[in-house]
C-alpha cells in the first residue's frame, strides 16, 4: 500500500461530519435582536418581529436568491409550490 492509499483510507475513516449542534455552538451567542438559523435549500424565510413583516427568498442561483416577496404579518406564506408544500399562517407571529 502506498502513502497515497493510506492517506485516502485515513480521510475516509475520519469523522468530519458537522452536526447541527456543532453549527449552533459556532453561531451562538447571536447579537441581541437577532435570531440565527441554519438553513439549506431552495427557500429562505426571514421573519422580522420588529417591523411585523416576513421576507420569502426563493429561486436560488449561484450565491443569491432571484425572487423576494415581503409582506406583513397576517398574510400567509404560501409555500405550496415549493419543496416544503404548505401554507404558513402568520397572523399569530409575535411582535416586538
N, C-alpha and C. Protein backbone atom coordinates (compact mmCIF):
# COMPACT_ATOMS: atom_id res chain seq x y z
N UNK A 1 0.85 -1.17 0.00
CA UNK A 1 0.00 0.00 0.00
C UNK A 1 0.90 1.24 0.00
N UNK A 2 0.54 2.22 -0.80
CA UNK A 2 1.33 3.46 -0.90
C UNK A 2 0.86 4.47 0.13
N UNK A 3 1.65 5.53 0.27
CA UNK A 3 1.25 6.61 1.17
C UNK A 3 -0.06 7.25 0.73
N UNK A 4 -0.25 7.37 -0.58
CA UNK A 4 -1.49 7.95 -1.09
C UNK A 4 -2.68 7.09 -0.70
N UNK A 5 -2.55 5.78 -0.83
CA UNK A 5 -3.64 4.88 -0.44
C UNK A 5 -3.95 5.00 1.04
N UNK A 6 -2.91 5.06 1.88
CA UNK A 6 -3.16 5.15 3.32
C UNK A 6 -3.77 6.49 3.69
N UNK A 7 -3.38 7.58 2.99
CA UNK A 7 -3.99 8.89 3.23
C UNK A 7 -5.47 8.86 2.90
N UNK A 8 -5.83 8.22 1.79
CA UNK A 8 -7.24 8.14 1.41
C UNK A 8 -8.04 7.34 2.43
N UNK A 9 -7.45 6.27 2.93
CA UNK A 9 -8.14 5.46 3.94
C UNK A 9 -8.33 6.27 5.21
N UNK A 10 -7.29 7.00 5.61
CA UNK A 10 -7.40 7.83 6.81
C UNK A 10 -8.46 8.90 6.64
N UNK A 11 -8.53 9.51 5.46
CA UNK A 11 -9.54 10.54 5.22
C UNK A 11 -10.93 9.93 5.24
N UNK A 12 -11.09 8.74 4.69
CA UNK A 12 -12.41 8.10 4.66
C UNK A 12 -12.85 7.70 6.06
N UNK A 13 -11.88 7.33 6.91
CA UNK A 13 -12.21 6.91 8.27
C UNK A 13 -12.43 8.09 9.21
N UNK A 14 -11.93 9.26 8.84
CA UNK A 14 -12.05 10.44 9.70
C UNK A 14 -13.52 10.84 9.81
N UNK A 15 -13.91 11.25 11.01
CA UNK A 15 -15.29 11.69 11.24
C UNK A 15 -15.33 13.21 11.21
N UNK A 16 -15.47 13.77 10.00
CA UNK A 16 -15.53 15.22 9.84
C UNK A 16 -16.96 15.72 9.72
N UNK A 17 -17.92 14.88 10.03
CA UNK A 17 -19.32 15.29 9.91
C UNK A 17 -19.61 16.38 10.91
N UNK A 18 -20.20 17.45 10.43
CA UNK A 18 -20.62 18.53 11.31
C UNK A 18 -22.07 18.29 11.69
N UNK A 19 -22.35 18.36 12.95
CA UNK A 19 -23.72 18.19 13.41
C UNK A 19 -24.36 19.58 13.53
N UNK A 20 -25.68 19.60 13.53
CA UNK A 20 -26.38 20.88 13.74
C UNK A 20 -26.01 21.48 15.08
N UNK A 21 -25.86 20.65 16.11
CA UNK A 21 -25.48 21.17 17.42
C UNK A 21 -24.14 21.89 17.35
N UNK A 22 -23.17 21.33 16.63
CA UNK A 22 -21.87 21.98 16.49
C UNK A 22 -22.02 23.32 15.79
N UNK A 23 -22.83 23.37 14.73
CA UNK A 23 -23.00 24.61 13.98
C UNK A 23 -23.66 25.68 14.84
N UNK A 24 -24.67 25.30 15.64
CA UNK A 24 -25.32 26.27 16.51
C UNK A 24 -24.34 26.81 17.55
N UNK A 25 -23.47 25.95 18.07
CA UNK A 25 -22.48 26.40 19.04
C UNK A 25 -21.55 27.44 18.43
N UNK A 26 -21.18 27.27 17.17
CA UNK A 26 -20.31 28.24 16.50
C UNK A 26 -21.00 29.58 16.34
N UNK A 27 -22.31 29.56 16.11
CA UNK A 27 -23.04 30.79 15.82
C UNK A 27 -23.51 31.52 17.06
N UNK A 28 -23.60 30.83 18.18
CA UNK A 28 -24.10 31.47 19.38
C UNK A 28 -22.97 32.10 20.16
N UNK A 29 -23.18 33.12 20.92
CA UNK A 29 -24.47 33.80 21.08
C UNK A 29 -24.71 34.78 19.94
N UNK A 30 -25.93 34.83 19.51
CA UNK A 30 -26.32 35.79 18.47
C UNK A 30 -26.45 37.17 19.10
N UNK A 31 -26.15 38.21 18.35
CA UNK A 31 -26.33 39.56 18.88
C UNK A 31 -27.78 39.80 19.29
N UNK A 32 -27.99 40.67 20.26
CA UNK A 32 -29.34 40.97 20.72
C UNK A 32 -30.20 41.45 19.56
N UNK A 33 -31.41 40.92 19.46
CA UNK A 33 -32.33 41.31 18.39
C UNK A 33 -32.21 40.44 17.16
N UNK A 34 -31.30 39.49 17.16
CA UNK A 34 -31.12 38.61 16.02
C UNK A 34 -31.40 37.17 16.41
N UNK A 35 -31.98 36.43 15.50
CA UNK A 35 -32.18 35.01 15.70
C UNK A 35 -31.41 34.31 14.59
N UNK A 36 -30.60 33.35 14.95
CA UNK A 36 -29.76 32.66 13.99
C UNK A 36 -30.35 31.30 13.68
N UNK A 37 -30.50 31.01 12.41
CA UNK A 37 -30.98 29.71 11.97
C UNK A 37 -30.05 29.19 10.90
N UNK A 38 -29.83 27.90 10.89
CA UNK A 38 -29.05 27.26 9.85
C UNK A 38 -30.03 26.76 8.81
N UNK A 39 -29.85 27.21 7.59
CA UNK A 39 -30.78 26.85 6.53
C UNK A 39 -30.04 26.25 5.35
N UNK A 40 -30.77 25.50 4.61
CA UNK A 40 -30.21 24.92 3.39
C UNK A 40 -31.36 24.65 2.45
N UNK A 41 -31.16 24.88 1.20
CA UNK A 41 -32.20 24.53 0.25
C UNK A 41 -32.64 25.68 -0.61
N UNK A 42 -33.84 25.55 -1.14
CA UNK A 42 -34.35 26.47 -2.13
C UNK A 42 -35.23 27.57 -1.56
N UNK A 43 -35.54 27.53 -0.29
CA UNK A 43 -36.45 28.50 0.33
C UNK A 43 -35.79 29.07 1.58
N UNK A 44 -35.80 30.40 1.70
CA UNK A 44 -35.24 31.06 2.87
C UNK A 44 -36.25 32.08 3.35
N UNK A 45 -36.73 31.91 4.57
CA UNK A 45 -37.76 32.79 5.13
C UNK A 45 -37.19 33.56 6.30
N UNK A 46 -37.32 34.88 6.24
CA UNK A 46 -36.91 35.76 7.34
C UNK A 46 -38.17 36.37 7.94
N UNK A 47 -38.32 36.22 9.24
CA UNK A 47 -39.46 36.80 9.95
C UNK A 47 -38.93 37.91 10.84
N UNK A 48 -39.44 39.12 10.65
CA UNK A 48 -38.95 40.28 11.38
C UNK A 48 -40.02 40.76 12.37
N UNK A 49 -39.86 40.40 13.66
CA UNK A 49 -40.88 40.80 14.65
C UNK A 49 -40.89 42.29 14.94
N UNK A 50 -39.82 43.00 14.59
CA UNK A 50 -39.77 44.44 14.86
C UNK A 50 -40.64 45.23 13.89
N UNK A 51 -40.65 44.81 12.63
CA UNK A 51 -41.45 45.52 11.63
C UNK A 51 -42.76 44.82 11.32
N UNK A 52 -42.94 43.59 11.84
CA UNK A 52 -44.17 42.83 11.57
C UNK A 52 -44.26 42.38 10.12
N UNK A 53 -43.11 42.09 9.53
CA UNK A 53 -43.08 41.64 8.14
C UNK A 53 -42.30 40.33 8.03
N UNK A 54 -42.57 39.63 6.93
CA UNK A 54 -41.78 38.45 6.59
C UNK A 54 -41.27 38.60 5.17
N UNK A 55 -40.16 37.93 4.91
CA UNK A 55 -39.48 38.05 3.62
C UNK A 55 -39.15 36.64 3.13
N UNK A 56 -39.74 36.26 2.02
CA UNK A 56 -39.54 34.93 1.45
C UNK A 56 -38.59 35.03 0.26
N UNK A 57 -37.48 34.33 0.35
CA UNK A 57 -36.47 34.31 -0.71
C UNK A 57 -36.51 32.93 -1.37
N UNK A 58 -36.68 32.91 -2.69
CA UNK A 58 -36.73 31.66 -3.43
C UNK A 58 -35.91 31.79 -4.73
N UNK A 59 -35.87 30.74 -5.49
CA UNK A 59 -35.15 30.67 -6.76
C UNK A 59 -33.66 31.00 -6.61
N UNK A 60 -32.94 30.20 -5.81
CA UNK A 60 -31.51 30.47 -5.65
C UNK A 60 -30.74 30.22 -6.95
N UNK A 61 -29.79 31.09 -7.20
CA UNK A 61 -28.91 30.92 -8.34
C UNK A 61 -27.54 31.45 -7.93
N UNK A 62 -26.55 30.56 -8.00
CA UNK A 62 -25.20 30.86 -7.55
C UNK A 62 -25.23 31.31 -6.10
N UNK A 63 -24.89 32.54 -5.79
CA UNK A 63 -24.82 32.95 -4.39
C UNK A 63 -25.91 33.94 -3.99
N UNK A 64 -27.04 33.93 -4.71
CA UNK A 64 -28.13 34.85 -4.36
C UNK A 64 -29.48 34.22 -4.67
N UNK A 65 -30.51 34.77 -4.06
CA UNK A 65 -31.89 34.38 -4.37
C UNK A 65 -32.45 35.35 -5.39
N UNK A 66 -33.10 34.84 -6.42
CA UNK A 66 -33.60 35.68 -7.51
C UNK A 66 -34.99 36.24 -7.24
N UNK A 67 -35.73 35.64 -6.33
CA UNK A 67 -37.08 36.10 -6.05
C UNK A 67 -37.23 36.41 -4.57
N UNK A 68 -37.77 37.59 -4.28
CA UNK A 68 -38.00 38.00 -2.89
C UNK A 68 -39.42 38.56 -2.79
N UNK A 69 -40.17 38.05 -1.83
CA UNK A 69 -41.52 38.55 -1.56
C UNK A 69 -41.58 38.97 -0.11
N UNK A 70 -41.98 40.21 0.15
CA UNK A 70 -42.08 40.74 1.51
C UNK A 70 -43.51 41.20 1.76
N UNK A 71 -44.12 40.67 2.83
CA UNK A 71 -45.49 41.05 3.19
C UNK A 71 -45.61 41.16 4.71
N UNK A 72 -46.74 41.70 5.16
CA UNK A 72 -46.99 41.92 6.57
C UNK A 72 -47.48 40.65 7.26
N UNK A 73 -47.26 40.62 8.58
CA UNK A 73 -47.84 39.55 9.38
C UNK A 73 -49.35 39.56 9.15
N UNK A 74 -49.95 38.40 9.12
CA UNK A 74 -51.37 38.28 8.83
C UNK A 74 -51.60 37.72 7.44
N UNK A 75 -50.63 37.93 6.56
CA UNK A 75 -50.69 37.36 5.21
C UNK A 75 -49.96 36.02 5.25
N UNK A 76 -50.62 34.93 4.86
CA UNK A 76 -49.96 33.63 4.91
C UNK A 76 -48.77 33.55 3.95
N UNK A 77 -47.78 32.77 4.35
CA UNK A 77 -46.63 32.50 3.49
C UNK A 77 -47.00 31.26 2.67
N UNK A 78 -47.18 31.44 1.38
CA UNK A 78 -47.59 30.34 0.51
C UNK A 78 -46.36 29.58 0.02
N UNK A 79 -46.16 28.41 0.59
CA UNK A 79 -45.03 27.57 0.21
C UNK A 79 -45.50 26.31 -0.52
N UNK A 80 -46.73 26.33 -0.99
CA UNK A 80 -47.29 25.13 -1.62
C UNK A 80 -46.60 24.77 -2.93
N UNK A 81 -46.00 25.74 -3.61
CA UNK A 81 -45.33 25.42 -4.87
C UNK A 81 -43.84 25.14 -4.67
N UNK A 82 -43.40 25.04 -3.42
CA UNK A 82 -42.00 24.75 -3.11
C UNK A 82 -41.88 23.32 -2.59
N UNK A 83 -40.66 22.91 -2.30
CA UNK A 83 -40.44 21.57 -1.76
C UNK A 83 -41.07 21.38 -0.39
N UNK A 84 -41.37 22.47 0.30
CA UNK A 84 -41.98 22.40 1.62
C UNK A 84 -43.45 22.01 1.52
N UNK A 85 -44.15 22.56 0.52
CA UNK A 85 -45.51 22.15 0.22
C UNK A 85 -46.57 22.48 1.25
N UNK A 86 -46.51 23.66 1.86
CA UNK A 86 -47.54 24.05 2.82
C UNK A 86 -47.74 25.55 2.80
N UNK A 87 -48.77 26.00 3.49
CA UNK A 87 -49.03 27.42 3.66
C UNK A 87 -48.86 27.73 5.15
N UNK A 88 -48.08 28.74 5.46
CA UNK A 88 -47.77 29.06 6.85
C UNK A 88 -48.55 30.31 7.27
N UNK A 89 -49.42 30.13 8.27
CA UNK A 89 -50.18 31.27 8.80
C UNK A 89 -49.24 32.17 9.60
N UNK A 90 -49.39 33.48 9.44
CA UNK A 90 -48.50 34.42 10.13
C UNK A 90 -49.26 35.35 11.08
N UNK A 91 -50.57 35.20 11.17
CA UNK A 91 -51.35 36.13 11.99
C UNK A 91 -51.05 36.02 13.48
N UNK A 92 -50.50 34.91 13.93
CA UNK A 92 -50.18 34.75 15.35
C UNK A 92 -48.69 34.95 15.64
N UNK A 93 -47.91 35.39 14.64
CA UNK A 93 -46.49 35.66 14.89
C UNK A 93 -46.37 36.78 15.90
N UNK A 94 -45.49 36.64 16.89
CA UNK A 94 -45.33 37.70 17.89
C UNK A 94 -44.61 38.91 17.34
N UNK A 95 -44.94 40.06 17.90
CA UNK A 95 -44.27 41.32 17.50
C UNK A 95 -43.52 41.88 18.70
N UNK A 96 -42.40 42.49 18.42
CA UNK A 96 -41.63 43.15 19.48
C UNK A 96 -41.88 44.63 19.46
